[in-house]
C-alpha cells in the first residue's frame, strides 16, 4: 500500500512540472513578437571565445572617446599564460565624464 502511495505521488509531481525555457541574455527580439519569459529563471549564455584588442586598437578607441569629450571605459578579460592569469582588453566603450 505504501508503494502505491509513493508511486502515485511521484507520478503526479513528475507530470506537473513544465519544461524550463532558455532565454539568451542580450538577444534581439524582433518587433511585434512577444516572448514569454520564465518566472524568475533565465539561463545566461556566455561566449565561448573572446578576442583581445590590439594595442593600437585600444589606443585609437581611447583617443576617440577623449576627442568626443567622453571618458573611456575598458572591459577586461583574463587569459592564462605561463600558469598565471593575465588581463587583456576586450572592449572599450565611451561614457560620460564624472564630475
C-alpha atoms as a PDB file:
ATOM      1  CA  UNK A   1       0.000   0.000   0.000  1.00  0.00           C
ATOM      2  CA  UNK A   2       2.874   2.377   0.823  1.00  0.00           C
ATOM      3  CA  UNK A   3       4.445   1.600  -2.541  1.00  0.00           C
ATOM      4  CA  UNK A   4       1.205   2.566  -4.300  1.00  0.00           C
ATOM      5  CA  UNK A   5       1.106   5.931  -2.479  1.00  0.00           C
ATOM      6  CA  UNK A   6       4.729   6.635  -3.307  1.00  0.00           C
ATOM      7  CA  UNK A   7       4.252   5.796  -6.980  1.00  0.00           C
ATOM      8  CA  UNK A   8       1.094   7.917  -7.113  1.00  0.00           C
ATOM      9  CA  UNK A   9       2.851  10.930  -5.558  1.00  0.00           C
ATOM     10  CA  UNK A  10       5.879  10.580  -7.835  1.00  0.00           C
ATOM     11  CA  UNK A  11       3.658  10.249 -10.889  1.00  0.00           C
ATOM     12  CA  UNK A  12       1.649  13.373 -10.058  1.00  0.00           C
ATOM     13  CA  UNK A  13       4.678  15.524  -9.253  1.00  0.00           C
ATOM     14  CA  UNK A  14       6.671  14.382 -12.274  1.00  0.00           C
ATOM     15  CA  UNK A  15       3.848  15.217 -14.686  1.00  0.00           C
ATOM     16  CA  UNK A  16       3.065  18.614 -13.166  1.00  0.00           C
ATOM     17  CA  UNK A  17       6.418  20.298 -13.884  1.00  0.00           C
ATOM     18  CA  UNK A  18       6.808  22.395 -17.024  1.00  0.00           C
ATOM     19  CA  UNK A  19      10.000  22.413 -19.066  1.00  0.00           C
ATOM     20  CA  UNK A  20      12.272  25.419 -18.480  1.00  0.00           C
ATOM     21  CA  UNK A  21      12.707  27.869 -21.356  1.00  0.00           C
ATOM     22  CA  UNK A  22      16.187  29.207 -22.071  1.00  0.00           C
ATOM     23  CA  UNK A  23      16.489  32.952 -22.545  1.00  0.00           C
ATOM     24  CA  UNK A  24      19.503  34.390 -24.298  1.00  0.00           C
ATOM     25  CA  UNK A  25      20.565  37.476 -22.391  1.00  0.00           C
ATOM     26  CA  UNK A  26      21.327  40.279 -24.812  1.00  0.00           C
ATOM     27  CA  UNK A  27      19.451  38.732 -27.722  1.00  0.00           C
ATOM     28  CA  UNK A  28      17.449  40.950 -30.048  1.00  0.00           C
ATOM     29  CA  UNK A  29      13.686  40.427 -30.046  1.00  0.00           C
ATOM     30  CA  UNK A  30      12.011  41.282 -33.390  1.00  0.00           C
ATOM     31  CA  UNK A  31       9.247  43.902 -33.369  1.00  0.00           C
ATOM     32  CA  UNK A  32       5.760  42.531 -32.917  1.00  0.00           C
ATOM     33  CA  UNK A  33       6.966  39.232 -31.473  1.00  0.00           C
ATOM     34  CA  UNK A  34       6.115  38.531 -27.851  1.00  0.00           C
ATOM     35  CA  UNK A  35       8.266  36.130 -25.879  1.00  0.00           C
ATOM     36  CA  UNK A  36       7.142  34.570 -22.629  1.00  0.00           C
ATOM     37  CA  UNK A  37       9.861  34.817 -20.025  1.00  0.00           C
ATOM     38  CA  UNK A  38      10.072  32.074 -17.419  1.00  0.00           C
ATOM     39  CA  UNK A  39       9.181  33.113 -13.905  1.00  0.00           C
ATOM     40  CA  UNK A  40      12.385  34.071 -12.101  1.00  0.00           C
ATOM     41  CA  UNK A  41      14.647  31.874 -14.218  1.00  0.00           C
ATOM     42  CA  UNK A  42      16.868  32.847 -17.142  1.00  0.00           C
ATOM     43  CA  UNK A  43      19.856  30.905 -18.367  1.00  0.00           C
ATOM     44  CA  UNK A  44      22.878  33.119 -19.056  1.00  0.00           C
ATOM     45  CA  UNK A  45      24.747  32.109 -22.178  1.00  0.00           C
ATOM     46  CA  UNK A  46      28.448  33.030 -22.226  1.00  0.00           C
ATOM     47  CA  UNK A  47      30.517  33.481 -25.349  1.00  0.00           C
ATOM     48  CA  UNK A  48      32.941  30.636 -25.830  1.00  0.00           C
ATOM     49  CA  UNK A  49      35.695  32.849 -27.208  1.00  0.00           C
ATOM     50  CA  UNK A  50      36.727  36.424 -26.541  1.00  0.00           C
ATOM     51  CA  UNK A  51      39.139  38.302 -28.737  1.00  0.00           C
ATOM     52  CA  UNK A  52      41.878  40.581 -27.482  1.00  0.00           C
ATOM     53  CA  UNK A  53      42.064  44.094 -28.904  1.00  0.00           C
ATOM     54  CA  UNK A  54      45.476  45.025 -30.214  1.00  0.00           C
ATOM     55  CA  UNK A  55      47.399  47.811 -28.518  1.00  0.00           C
ATOM     56  CA  UNK A  56      46.791  50.176 -31.438  1.00  0.00           C
ATOM     57  CA  UNK A  57      43.039  49.462 -31.466  1.00  0.00           C
ATOM     58  CA  UNK A  58      42.890  50.210 -27.748  1.00  0.00           C
ATOM     59  CA  UNK A  59      44.826  53.477 -28.098  1.00  0.00           C
ATOM     60  CA  UNK A  60      42.647  54.597 -31.030  1.00  0.00           C
ATOM     61  CA  UNK A  61      39.440  53.814 -29.127  1.00  0.00           C
ATOM     62  CA  UNK A  62      40.623  55.775 -26.070  1.00  0.00           C
ATOM     63  CA  UNK A  63      41.620  58.757 -28.247  1.00  0.00           C
ATOM     64  CA  UNK A  64      38.216  58.675 -29.982  1.00  0.00           C
ATOM     65  CA  UNK A  65      36.466  58.855 -26.606  1.00  0.00           C
ATOM     66  CA  UNK A  66      38.664  61.717 -25.384  1.00  0.00           C
ATOM     67  CA  UNK A  67      38.222  63.713 -28.610  1.00  0.00           C
ATOM     68  CA  UNK A  68      34.413  63.426 -28.205  1.00  0.00           C
ATOM     69  CA  UNK A  69      34.645  64.791 -24.652  1.00  0.00           C
ATOM     70  CA  UNK A  70      33.869  61.422 -23.047  1.00  0.00           C
ATOM     71  CA  UNK A  71      35.827  59.064 -20.828  1.00  0.00           C
ATOM     72  CA  UNK A  72      36.962  55.617 -21.921  1.00  0.00           C
ATOM     73  CA  UNK A  73      35.758  52.558 -20.032  1.00  0.00           C
ATOM     74  CA  UNK A  74      37.744  49.404 -20.706  1.00  0.00           C
ATOM     75  CA  UNK A  75      36.336  45.920 -20.254  1.00  0.00           C
ATOM     76  CA  UNK A  76      38.908  43.295 -19.380  1.00  0.00           C
ATOM     77  CA  UNK A  77      39.025  39.553 -19.756  1.00  0.00           C
ATOM     78  CA  UNK A  78      41.623  37.122 -18.455  1.00  0.00           C
ATOM     79  CA  UNK A  79      43.697  34.572 -20.281  1.00  0.00           C
ATOM     80  CA  UNK A  80      46.024  32.003 -18.818  1.00  0.00           C
ATOM     81  CA  UNK A  81      49.658  32.456 -19.825  1.00  0.00           C
ATOM     82  CA  UNK A  82      52.601  30.714 -18.165  1.00  0.00           C
ATOM     83  CA  UNK A  83      50.355  29.334 -15.405  1.00  0.00           C
ATOM     84  CA  UNK A  84      49.214  32.866 -14.449  1.00  0.00           C
ATOM     85  CA  UNK A  85      46.131  34.854 -15.376  1.00  0.00           C
ATOM     86  CA  UNK A  86      46.879  37.955 -17.455  1.00  0.00           C
ATOM     87  CA  UNK A  87      44.274  40.712 -18.011  1.00  0.00           C
ATOM     88  CA  UNK A  88      43.507  41.601 -21.633  1.00  0.00           C
ATOM     89  CA  UNK A  89      41.413  44.457 -23.053  1.00  0.00           C
ATOM     90  CA  UNK A  90      38.314  43.068 -24.737  1.00  0.00           C
ATOM     91  CA  UNK A  91      36.244  46.187 -25.411  1.00  0.00           C
ATOM     92  CA  UNK A  92      36.467  49.966 -24.961  1.00  0.00           C
ATOM     93  CA  UNK A  93      33.255  51.981 -24.514  1.00  0.00           C
ATOM     94  CA  UNK A  94      32.739  55.709 -24.156  1.00  0.00           C
ATOM     95  CA  UNK A  95      30.836  57.001 -21.132  1.00  0.00           C
ATOM     96  CA  UNK A  96      30.005  60.489 -19.802  1.00  0.00           C
ATOM     97  CA  UNK A  97      32.681  62.140 -17.696  1.00  0.00           C
ATOM     98  CA  UNK A  98      32.255  62.109 -13.942  1.00  0.00           C
ATOM     99  CA  UNK A  99      32.435  65.453 -12.182  1.00  0.00           C
END
